[in-house]
Amino acid sequence: MGRTDEISALDATGQADLVRRKEITPLELVDDAIEKIERLNPALNAVIHRHFERARSQAAGRLADGPFRGVPFLLKDFGGGSIKGDPIYWGTRFLRDAGHRSPSTSYIVEKFLNAGFIVVGRTNVPELGAWTTTEPASFGPTRNPWDTTRSSGGSSGGSGAAVASRMVPAAHGNDGGGSIRIPASECGLVGLKPTRGRVSMGPDVGEFWEGMVIDFALTHTIRDAAAMLDVVAGAMPGDPYVAAPPARPYRDEVGAPCQPLRIGLLTGLSSVKVHPECAAAVEAAGRLLESMGHHVEFSHPADLEDPERSAFIPVITTSQARLVEQFSAAIGRKITAADMDPDNWVVTDLGSKVSGTEYLAAVEVLHRYTRKLAAWWEGGFDLLVTPTIPEPPPPLGVLVPDGREPLKGFVRSGELVPFTSPFNVTGQPAISLPLHWTSEGLPVGVQFIAAFGREDLLLRVGSHLEQAVRWNDRRPKVCG
């Protein structure tokens, strides 16, 4: 096995261990990541900004002595991945053409850097992060390393493709309706959406989409997700609300014994057409959990399909309208329909027409919906298991907005989020695990949802499933 193969076989924790034991230098790890990006990115289009020379300089200098010292990392081209003075475009042509730079460094990025990660670049996103595929007009489509004719998901699709292809062992992402979990499912990765308030959104915002968005990462392993959550979790000054801290470090949950749990399975909803492979993935997960001693039954919150959930639409459209106003001020001119894809313009226009009282009414509905769903966990269940998305990775092009059919792309994107977005509304932690592959070799994620604040349970169960399935041994067609 060559040095590159050896590095590619390791997760972020494994790479950091090599550095700690002085078996490799941070500069060697960074150079390896740069070589892989240069070699693989033409096929995938996952990385759109390159910070190679700065990364090499940092790797050769004095690094923060954190748990991930010297490990190369990628940031999503989105607000939560901000570094002051760096270009950041949110997948848009108008910010790209204006040469927009970030006015600040986000708290989560500060924590990643303090942990010793070295940022080597920034990953592709759909325009304004709005779609469940990463195919922006500004930078073109990101392709899935398991099948380059397929989507890598969205909105953290660039990060998903980069991690799956082993350019880097982990990358930043954020999730407002499934944007970490969907790329995790489509790229064969671990995708944890933490509890609302677990990770600070500061310093520029207190919350985004009425608290439905949260930042974290995509990883290959549960131990990386646990250790990285230990690094970034915790309140920062001025946060509007925080999640209660865990009883012990999340890394201690990896491999820890787990008492028998009561687990509900959900393979489909009356309003959702679920692909047989996705339903089979959930059923197989249920059998595996039963073999581990857990009590598994077909059950789910009765209110999951409540039409009240659609109240998140005015919250999202209004938030987007406000965001576009902020970007207009930042670039010094009014953003118009000519600057955006047709569906994003319609969404922005709709949001600008929502009144203050209509917005607050929508928030009230979402709070009511949250209480109804949370009652299922209070009623004696520990976990809910569902498909992450209702289909395998879709072909490129089918989710792209088309001006001839307004909102068709928006609606089609929405068809991928019926199992993920409810838990952005409720703020509960949820994780997509790569437990299944189709006969065509495409990954299919299975989603696990715990009660509010119970990431510990997701990580503990996930680590047992990881030992059984050994998903990290698989490699996509395009891989470093």
Protein backbone atom coordinates (compact mmCIF):
# COMPACT_ATOMS: atom_id res chain seq x y z
CA MET A 1 0.00 0.00 0.00
CA GLY A 2 1.39 3.41 -1.03
CA ARG A 3 1.41 6.47 1.22
CA THR A 4 -1.62 8.00 -0.53
CA ASP A 5 -3.58 4.77 -0.15
CA GLU A 6 -2.61 4.59 3.51
CA ILE A 7 -3.84 8.14 4.13
CA SER A 8 -7.06 7.57 2.17
CA ALA A 9 -7.89 4.57 4.35
CA LEU A 10 -7.86 6.77 7.47
CA ASP A 11 -10.57 8.97 8.89
CA ALA A 12 -9.74 12.38 10.40
CA THR A 13 -9.03 10.81 13.79
CA GLY A 14 -6.65 8.33 12.19
CA GLN A 15 -4.81 11.04 10.28
CA ALA A 16 -4.46 13.13 13.43
CA ASP A 17 -3.05 10.09 15.25
CA LEU A 18 -0.32 9.77 12.61
CA VAL A 19 0.62 13.39 13.17
CA ARG A 20 0.58 12.97 16.95
CA ARG A 21 2.90 9.96 16.69
CA LYS A 22 5.14 11.93 14.29
CA GLU A 23 4.71 9.30 11.59
CA ILE A 24 3.63 12.02 9.16
CA THR A 25 3.75 15.80 9.12
CA PRO A 26 0.81 18.18 8.65
CA LEU A 27 2.45 19.38 5.45
CA GLU A 28 2.50 15.84 4.04
CA LEU A 29 -1.21 15.46 4.80
CA VAL A 30 -2.02 18.81 3.19
CA ASP A 31 0.06 18.03 0.11
CA ASP A 32 -1.71 14.68 -0.20
CA ALA A 33 -5.11 16.39 -0.04
CA ILE A 34 -4.06 18.99 -2.62
CA GLU A 35 -2.84 16.27 -4.98
CA LYS A 36 -6.17 14.45 -4.68
CA ILE A 37 -8.21 17.60 -5.25
CA GLU A 38 -6.19 18.45 -8.36
CA ARG A 39 -6.52 14.90 -9.67
CA LEU A 40 -10.16 14.14 -8.82
CA ASN A 41 -11.91 17.50 -8.96
CA PRO A 42 -12.07 17.69 -12.78
CA ALA A 43 -14.34 14.61 -12.65
CA LEU A 44 -16.45 15.79 -9.69
CA ASN A 45 -16.41 19.60 -9.49
CA ALA A 46 -16.68 19.47 -5.71
CA VAL A 47 -14.10 22.15 -4.78
CA ILE A 48 -14.61 25.68 -6.16
CA HIS A 49 -12.15 27.76 -4.08
CA ARG A 50 -8.58 26.65 -3.49
CA HIS A 51 -6.55 27.91 -0.54
CA PHE A 52 -3.58 25.69 -1.24
CA GLU A 53 -0.64 28.01 -0.58
CA ARG A 54 -2.14 29.35 2.64
CA ALA A 55 -2.79 25.79 3.77
CA ARG A 56 0.79 24.76 3.01
CA SER A 57 2.10 27.77 4.91
CA GLN A 58 -0.09 26.96 7.91
CA ALA A 59 0.89 23.30 7.83
CA ALA A 60 4.57 24.22 7.90
CA GLY A 61 4.07 26.68 10.76
CA ARG A 62 2.76 26.60 14.32
CA LEU A 63 -0.64 24.89 14.45
CA ALA A 64 -3.22 24.78 17.21
CA ASP A 65 -2.53 21.68 19.29
CA GLY A 66 -6.06 20.30 19.09
CA PRO A 67 -7.40 16.80 18.50
CA PHE A 68 -7.27 17.23 14.70
CA ARG A 69 -3.91 18.94 14.43
CA GLY A 70 -2.69 18.93 10.82
CA VAL A 71 -5.76 17.33 9.22
CA PRO A 72 -6.89 18.89 5.90
CA PHE A 73 -10.47 20.15 5.80
CA LEU A 74 -12.92 21.82 3.41
CA LEU A 75 -15.54 24.48 4.14
CA LYS A 76 -18.89 24.80 2.41
CA ASP A 77 -19.33 27.98 0.32
CA PHE A 78 -22.04 29.16 2.67
CA GLY A 79 -22.41 31.56 5.60
CA GLY A 80 -21.56 29.12 8.36
CA GLY A 81 -18.24 28.36 6.69
CA SER A 82 -17.00 31.95 6.75
CA ILE A 83 -13.39 33.06 7.17
CA LYS A 84 -12.95 36.84 7.33
CA GLY A 85 -11.66 38.19 4.02
CA ASP A 86 -12.11 34.96 2.07
CA PRO A 87 -14.32 34.82 -1.04
CA ILE A 88 -17.74 33.38 -0.28
CA TYR A 89 -20.48 33.27 -2.90
CA TRP A 90 -23.35 31.11 -1.57
CA GLY A 91 -23.52 29.48 -5.00
CA THR A 92 -24.64 32.73 -6.67
CA ARG A 93 -23.48 34.52 -9.78
CA PHE A 94 -24.09 37.96 -8.26
CA LEU A 95 -21.74 37.43 -5.30
CA ARG A 96 -19.21 35.68 -7.54
CA ASP A 97 -19.19 38.52 -10.06
CA ALA A 98 -18.92 41.10 -7.27
CA GLY A 99 -15.95 39.28 -5.73
CA HIS A 100 -17.78 39.17 -2.39
CA ARG A 101 -15.68 38.54 0.73
CA SER A 102 -16.79 37.33 4.11
CA PRO A 103 -16.96 40.12 6.73
CA SER A 104 -16.21 37.78 9.64
CA THR A 105 -15.10 34.32 10.71
CA SER A 106 -17.92 32.13 12.01
CA TYR A 107 -17.64 30.67 15.49
CA ILE A 108 -17.82 27.11 14.20
CA VAL A 109 -14.89 27.74 11.84
CA GLU A 110 -12.89 29.27 14.70
CA LYS A 111 -13.51 26.08 16.65
CA PHE A 112 -12.52 23.87 13.71
CA LEU A 113 -9.29 25.86 13.34
CA ASN A 114 -8.58 25.71 17.08
CA ALA A 115 -8.98 21.94 16.84
CA GLY A 116 -6.07 21.92 14.38
CA PHE A 117 -7.88 21.47 11.06
CA ILE A 118 -6.25 23.12 8.04
CA VAL A 119 -8.66 24.56 5.47
CA VAL A 120 -7.51 23.71 1.94
CA GLY A 121 -10.52 25.06 0.05
CA ARG A 122 -14.24 25.59 -0.19
CA THR A 123 -16.94 23.36 -1.71
CA ASN A 124 -19.69 23.84 -4.28
CA VAL A 125 -23.31 24.58 -3.27
CA PRO A 126 -26.60 25.19 -5.10
CA GLU A 127 -27.66 28.82 -5.49
CA LEU A 128 -28.47 30.20 -2.02
CA GLY A 129 -28.31 26.63 -0.74
CA ALA A 130 -31.92 26.27 -1.78
CA TRP A 131 -32.01 22.91 -3.61
CA THR A 132 -31.46 19.25 -2.81
CA THR A 133 -28.93 18.96 -5.62
CA THR A 134 -25.69 20.89 -6.19
CA GLU A 135 -25.98 22.22 -9.73
CA PRO A 136 -25.59 26.02 -9.63
CA ALA A 137 -25.35 28.11 -12.78
CA SER A 138 -22.41 29.90 -11.14
CA PHE A 139 -20.07 26.89 -10.97
CA GLY A 140 -21.81 23.96 -12.66
CA PRO A 141 -22.86 20.59 -11.25
CA THR A 142 -21.06 18.57 -8.62
CA ARG A 143 -21.05 14.90 -9.62
CA ASN A 144 -21.44 11.90 -7.38
CA PRO A 145 -18.23 9.83 -7.02
CA TRP A 146 -20.24 6.59 -6.97
CA ASP A 147 -21.79 7.42 -10.37
CA THR A 148 -20.84 10.70 -12.04
CA THR A 149 -24.18 10.88 -13.88
CA ARG A 150 -25.91 11.25 -10.49
CA SER A 151 -26.43 14.08 -8.04
CA SER A 152 -24.31 14.28 -4.88
CA GLY A 153 -27.22 15.89 -3.02
CA GLY A 154 -27.63 19.36 -1.65
CA SER A 155 -27.05 21.75 -0.33
CA SER A 156 -23.77 20.34 1.08
CA GLY A 157 -23.25 18.32 -2.11
CA GLY A 158 -19.75 19.60 -2.80
CA SER A 159 -18.65 18.59 0.68
CA GLY A 160 -20.29 15.19 0.30
CA ALA A 161 -18.54 14.42 -2.99
CA ALA A 162 -15.18 15.65 -1.67
CA VAL A 163 -15.32 13.48 1.45
CA ALA A 164 -16.71 10.41 -0.33
CA SER A 165 -13.90 10.56 -2.90
CA ARG A 166 -11.32 10.87 -0.08
CA MET A 167 -10.04 14.30 -1.09
CA VAL A 168 -10.26 15.08 2.63
CA PRO A 169 -11.47 12.92 5.52
CA ALA A 170 -14.20 15.35 6.62
CA ALA A 171 -15.79 18.62 5.54
CA HIS A 172 -18.10 21.31 6.85
CA GLY A 173 -21.79 21.31 5.99
CA ASN A 174 -25.02 22.74 7.28
CA ASP A 175 -28.58 21.50 7.34
CA GLY A 176 -31.88 23.40 7.10
CA GLY A 177 -34.08 20.69 5.62
CA GLY A 178 -31.68 17.80 5.13
CA SER A 179 -28.62 19.49 3.62
CA ILE A 180 -26.13 17.37 5.59
CA ARG A 181 -28.17 14.17 5.69
CA ILE A 182 -29.16 14.15 1.99
CA PRO A 183 -25.55 14.34 0.66
CA ALA A 184 -24.58 11.78 3.31
CA SER A 185 -27.22 9.39 1.96
CA GLU A 186 -26.31 9.98 -1.69
CA CYS A 187 -22.53 9.80 -1.11
CA GLY A 188 -22.33 6.96 1.42
CA LEU A 189 -21.29 9.02 4.46
CA VAL A 190 -22.17 9.72 8.07
CA GLY A 191 -24.27 12.88 8.24
CA LEU A 192 -25.22 14.16 11.70
CA LYS A 193 -27.60 17.08 12.16
CA PRO A 194 -27.10 18.16 15.78
CA THR A 195 -29.80 19.41 18.14
CA ARG A 196 -30.96 23.00 17.70
CA GLY A 197 -28.74 25.25 19.79
CA ARG A 198 -25.93 22.67 20.05
CA VAL A 199 -23.66 24.62 17.67
CA SER A 200 -23.53 28.42 17.65
CA MET A 201 -24.58 30.19 14.45
CA GLY A 202 -22.68 33.34 15.45
CA PRO A 203 -21.36 35.88 15.28
CA ASP A 204 -23.38 37.21 12.33
CA VAL A 205 -26.73 35.58 13.15
CA GLY A 206 -28.46 34.15 16.18
CA GLU A 207 -30.56 31.75 14.14
CA PHE A 208 -31.44 31.13 10.50
CA TRP A 209 -34.80 29.96 9.13
CA GLU A 210 -36.33 30.34 12.61
CA GLY A 211 -33.79 27.91 14.07
CA MET A 212 -34.21 25.21 11.41
CA VAL A 213 -30.60 25.54 10.16
CA ILE A 214 -27.57 24.20 12.01
CA ASP A 215 -23.92 23.79 11.03
CA PHE A 216 -21.78 20.70 11.41
CA ALA A 217 -19.94 18.29 9.08
CA LEU A 218 -19.89 15.18 6.89
CA THR A 219 -17.62 12.34 7.96
CA HIS A 220 -16.74 8.74 7.18
CA THR A 221 -16.95 7.45 10.74
CA ILE A 222 -18.97 7.79 13.91
CA ARG A 223 -15.84 8.48 15.96
CA ASP A 224 -15.06 11.49 13.77
CA ALA A 225 -18.61 12.81 14.11
CA ALA A 226 -18.43 12.38 17.90
CA ALA A 227 -15.00 13.98 18.33
CA MET A 228 -15.87 16.86 16.00
CA LEU A 229 -19.09 17.51 17.87
CA ASP A 230 -17.06 17.70 21.09
CA VAL A 231 -14.93 20.36 19.36
CA VAL A 232 -17.70 22.63 18.06
CA ALA A 233 -20.55 22.17 20.54
CA GLY A 234 -21.28 24.76 23.17
CA ALA A 235 -22.76 28.21 23.61
CA MET A 236 -21.08 31.42 22.56
CA PRO A 237 -21.78 34.91 23.98
CA GLY A 238 -25.14 36.23 22.86
CA ASP A 239 -26.60 33.01 21.48
CA PRO A 240 -30.41 33.25 21.66
CA TYR A 241 -30.76 29.73 23.09
CA VAL A 242 -28.56 26.71 23.77
CA ALA A 243 -28.96 22.95 24.06
CA ALA A 244 -28.14 21.46 27.45
CA PRO A 245 -24.59 20.06 27.50
CA PRO A 246 -24.11 16.28 27.36
CA ALA A 247 -23.39 14.24 30.47
CA ARG A 248 -19.99 13.25 29.11
CA PRO A 249 -17.89 13.84 25.97
CA TYR A 250 -19.50 12.51 22.82
CA ARG A 251 -16.37 10.54 21.96
CA ASP A 252 -17.08 8.40 25.06
CA GLU A 253 -20.29 7.18 23.41
CA VAL A 254 -18.39 5.42 20.61
CA GLY A 255 -18.48 1.70 21.35
CA ALA A 256 -20.12 2.22 24.75
CA PRO A 257 -22.61 -0.44 25.86
CA CYS A 258 -26.21 0.28 24.94
CA GLN A 259 -29.18 -0.98 26.91
CA PRO A 260 -32.08 -2.42 24.89
CA LEU A 261 -33.97 0.41 23.21
CA ARG A 262 -37.52 0.76 21.94
CA ILE A 263 -37.24 1.70 18.27
CA GLY A 264 -39.91 2.63 15.76
CA LEU A 265 -39.55 1.86 12.04
CA LEU A 266 -41.09 3.91 9.25
CA THR A 267 -40.66 2.72 5.66
CA GLY A 268 -43.12 5.07 3.97
CA LEU A 269 -45.81 7.69 4.22
CA SER A 270 -49.15 7.86 2.42
CA SER A 271 -48.10 11.10 0.73
CA VAL A 272 -44.65 9.89 -0.33
CA LYS A 273 -43.60 7.36 -2.95
CA VAL A 274 -40.64 5.48 -1.48
CA HIS A 275 -38.27 3.51 -3.73
CA PRO A 276 -38.17 -0.21 -2.81
CA GLU A 277 -34.42 -0.03 -2.13
CA CYS A 278 -34.96 2.74 0.43
CA ALA A 279 -37.72 0.82 2.19
CA ALA A 280 -35.56 -2.32 2.14
CA ALA A 281 -32.71 -0.37 3.74
CA VAL A 282 -34.91 0.56 6.71
CA GLU A 283 -36.24 -2.98 7.09
CA ALA A 284 -32.69 -4.39 7.04
CA ALA A 285 -31.64 -1.85 9.65
CA GLY A 286 -34.56 -2.98 11.81
CA ARG A 287 -33.48 -6.63 11.59
CA LEU A 288 -29.91 -5.68 12.48
CA LEU A 289 -31.09 -3.67 15.48
CA GLU A 290 -33.24 -6.60 16.64
CA SER A 291 -30.22 -8.90 16.41
CA MET A 292 -28.45 -6.47 18.77
CA GLY A 293 -31.17 -6.93 21.37
CA HIS A 294 -33.35 -3.88 20.73
CA HIS A 295 -37.14 -3.95 20.58
CA VAL A 296 -38.18 -2.88 17.07
CA GLU A 297 -41.72 -2.26 15.83
CA PHE A 298 -43.41 -0.41 13.01
CA SER A 299 -44.42 2.88 14.61
CA HIS A 300 -43.98 6.60 14.02
CA PRO A 301 -45.46 9.91 15.18
CA ALA A 302 -49.02 10.02 13.88
CA ASP A 303 -48.69 13.75 13.16
CA LEU A 304 -45.62 13.41 10.93
CA GLU A 305 -47.76 14.00 7.83
CA ASP A 306 -49.78 16.81 9.39
CA PRO A 307 -50.23 19.51 6.70
CA GLU A 308 -49.28 22.09 9.34
CA ARG A 309 -45.66 21.28 8.52
CA SER A 310 -46.09 23.30 5.31
CA ALA A 311 -45.95 26.40 7.52
CA PHE A 312 -42.18 26.24 7.13
CA ILE A 313 -42.59 27.57 3.57
CA PRO A 314 -43.41 31.20 4.52
CA VAL A 315 -40.59 31.08 7.08
CA ILE A 316 -38.11 29.97 4.40
CA THR A 317 -39.33 32.34 1.70
CA THR A 318 -39.30 35.34 4.06
CA SER A 319 -35.83 34.44 5.31
CA GLN A 320 -34.58 34.20 1.74
CA ALA A 321 -36.09 37.57 0.82
CA ARG A 322 -34.29 39.14 3.77
CA LEU A 323 -31.03 37.41 2.82
CA VAL A 324 -31.23 38.76 -0.72
CA GLU A 325 -31.81 42.25 0.73
CA GLN A 326 -28.63 41.86 2.76
CA PHE A 327 -26.69 40.73 -0.29
CA SER A 328 -27.99 43.70 -2.29
CA ALA A 329 -26.58 46.01 0.38
CA ALA A 330 -23.30 44.10 0.42
CA ILE A 331 -22.68 44.40 -3.33
CA GLY A 332 -24.09 47.92 -3.64
CA ARG A 333 -26.91 47.27 -6.08
CA LYS A 334 -30.39 45.74 -6.15
CA ILE A 335 -30.46 42.07 -7.04
CA THR A 336 -33.02 41.30 -9.75
CA ALA A 337 -34.57 38.32 -11.48
CA ALA A 338 -31.73 38.34 -14.02
CA ASP A 339 -29.27 37.53 -11.22
CA MET A 340 -30.91 34.33 -9.99
CA ASP A 341 -32.31 31.03 -11.17
CA PRO A 342 -36.05 31.34 -11.94
CA ASP A 343 -37.30 29.33 -8.96
CA ASN A 344 -35.10 31.17 -6.47
CA TRP A 345 -36.45 34.45 -7.81
CA VAL A 346 -40.05 33.29 -7.36
CA VAL A 347 -39.28 32.10 -3.82
CA THR A 348 -37.62 35.43 -3.00
CA ASP A 349 -40.53 37.39 -4.46
CA LEU A 350 -43.05 35.32 -2.50
CA GLY A 351 -41.11 35.93 0.69
CA SER A 352 -41.09 39.67 0.17
CA LYS A 353 -44.91 39.63 0.23
CA VAL A 354 -45.34 37.78 3.55
CA SER A 355 -46.59 40.14 6.26
CA GLY A 356 -45.23 40.24 9.79
CA THR A 357 -48.39 38.73 11.21
CA GLU A 358 -48.40 35.97 8.58
CA TYR A 359 -44.81 35.13 9.49
CA LEU A 360 -45.62 34.94 13.20
CA ALA A 361 -48.68 32.83 12.49
CA ALA A 362 -46.48 30.36 10.60
CA VAL A 363 -44.05 30.20 13.52
CA GLU A 364 -46.93 29.46 15.89
CA VAL A 365 -48.02 26.57 13.67
CA LEU A 366 -44.49 25.14 13.59
CA HIS A 367 -44.26 25.30 17.37
CA ARG A 368 -47.54 23.40 17.63
CA TYR A 369 -46.33 20.81 15.13
CA THR A 370 -43.11 20.38 17.13
CA ARG A 371 -44.96 19.63 20.35
CA LYS A 372 -47.12 17.01 18.63
CA LEU A 373 -44.12 15.19 17.15
CA ALA A 374 -42.03 15.33 20.32
CA ALA A 375 -44.79 13.55 22.25
CA TRP A 376 -43.99 10.28 20.43
CA TRP A 377 -40.53 10.13 22.05
CA GLU A 378 -42.00 11.08 25.42
CA GLY A 379 -44.44 8.19 24.97
CA GLY A 380 -41.75 5.56 25.41
CA PHE A 381 -39.76 5.38 22.18
CA ASP A 382 -36.01 6.00 22.06
CA LEU A 383 -35.38 6.20 18.30
CA LEU A 384 -37.26 6.54 15.04
CA VAL A 385 -35.71 4.93 11.93
CA THR A 386 -36.72 6.14 8.45
CA PRO A 387 -35.32 6.42 4.94
CA THR A 388 -33.09 9.47 4.75
CA ILE A 389 -34.51 10.28 1.33
CA PRO A 390 -37.21 8.36 -0.56
CA GLU A 391 -35.04 7.42 -3.54
CA PRO A 392 -31.43 6.60 -4.50
CA PRO A 393 -29.27 9.46 -5.83
CA PRO A 394 -31.27 11.04 -8.71
CA PRO A 395 -29.73 11.74 -12.12
CA LEU A 396 -28.17 15.14 -12.64
CA GLY A 397 -30.49 17.63 -14.28
CA VAL A 398 -33.85 16.46 -12.94
CA LEU A 399 -33.88 18.86 -9.96
CA VAL A 400 -32.61 21.96 -11.78
CA PRO A 401 -35.02 24.94 -11.97
CA ASP A 402 -36.51 25.54 -15.42
CA GLY A 403 -37.91 28.96 -16.30
CA ARG A 404 -40.47 27.34 -18.62
CA GLU A 405 -42.04 25.51 -15.65
CA PRO A 406 -41.95 27.83 -12.61
CA LEU A 407 -41.33 26.12 -9.26
CA LYS A 408 -41.12 22.64 -10.80
CA GLY A 409 -37.54 22.34 -9.53
CA PHE A 410 -38.59 23.68 -6.12
CA VAL A 411 -41.36 21.10 -5.85
CA ARG A 412 -39.12 18.28 -7.10
CA SER A 413 -36.45 19.23 -4.55
CA GLY A 414 -39.14 19.13 -1.89
CA GLU A 415 -39.91 15.53 -2.78
CA LEU A 416 -36.57 14.51 -1.27
CA VAL A 417 -37.13 16.04 2.19
CA PRO A 418 -40.30 14.51 3.72
CA PHE A 419 -38.26 12.44 6.19
CA THR A 420 -35.55 15.00 6.95
CA SER A 421 -37.22 18.42 7.15
CA PRO A 422 -39.65 17.62 10.01
CA PHE A 423 -36.69 17.35 12.35
CA ASN A 424 -35.32 20.70 11.30
CA VAL A 425 -38.68 22.04 12.43
CA THR A 426 -38.55 20.19 15.76
CA GLY A 427 -34.83 20.79 16.30
CA GLN A 428 -34.20 17.13 17.18
CA PRO A 429 -30.87 15.47 16.38
CA ALA A 430 -30.88 13.13 13.38
CA ILE A 431 -28.19 11.16 11.62
CA SER A 432 -27.97 9.47 8.21
CA LEU A 433 -25.92 6.27 8.20
CA PRO A 434 -24.68 4.47 5.03
CA LEU A 435 -26.22 1.08 5.72
CA HIS A 436 -27.34 0.01 2.24
CA TRP A 437 -26.21 -0.04 -1.39
CA THR A 438 -28.43 -0.70 -4.39
CA SER A 439 -27.83 -3.42 -6.96
CA GLU A 440 -26.30 -0.66 -9.11
CA GLY A 441 -23.81 0.17 -6.38
CA LEU A 442 -25.46 3.41 -5.26
CA PRO A 443 -25.46 4.29 -1.55
CA VAL A 444 -28.74 4.60 0.35
CA GLY A 445 -28.78 6.21 3.78
CA VAL A 446 -30.96 5.28 6.74
CA GLN A 447 -31.98 8.06 9.12
CA PHE A 448 -32.12 7.77 12.92
CA ILE A 449 -33.88 10.42 15.00
CA ALA A 450 -33.59 10.79 18.78
CA ALA A 451 -35.33 13.02 21.30
CA PHE A 452 -34.16 16.62 21.68
CA GLY A 453 -30.60 16.75 23.01
CA ARG A 454 -29.87 13.02 22.60
CA GLU A 455 -26.99 12.97 20.13
CA ASP A 456 -25.30 10.64 22.61
CA LEU A 457 -27.81 7.92 21.81
CA LEU A 458 -27.44 8.36 18.04
CA LEU A 459 -23.65 8.11 18.29
CA ARG A 460 -23.72 5.09 20.62
CA VAL A 461 -26.12 3.09 18.41
CA GLY A 462 -24.38 4.31 15.26
CA SER A 463 -21.03 3.02 16.47
CA HIS A 464 -22.49 -0.46 16.99
CA LEU A 465 -24.03 -0.45 13.52
CA GLU A 466 -20.73 0.74 12.06
CA GLN A 467 -18.93 -2.24 13.57
CA ALA A 468 -21.48 -4.58 12.02
CA VAL A 469 -21.71 -3.03 8.54
CA ARG A 470 -18.14 -1.65 8.13
CA TRP A 471 -19.28 0.94 5.59
CA ASN A 472 -15.93 2.74 5.62
CA ASP A 473 -14.36 -0.21 3.79
CA ARG A 474 -16.31 0.64 0.61
CA ARG A 475 -14.88 2.89 -2.10
CA PRO A 476 -16.68 4.82 -4.88
CA LYS A 477 -15.61 4.71 -8.53
CA VAL A 478 -13.91 8.12 -8.31
CA CYS A 479 -11.68 7.91 -5.27
CA GLY A 480 -8.25 9.08 -4.16
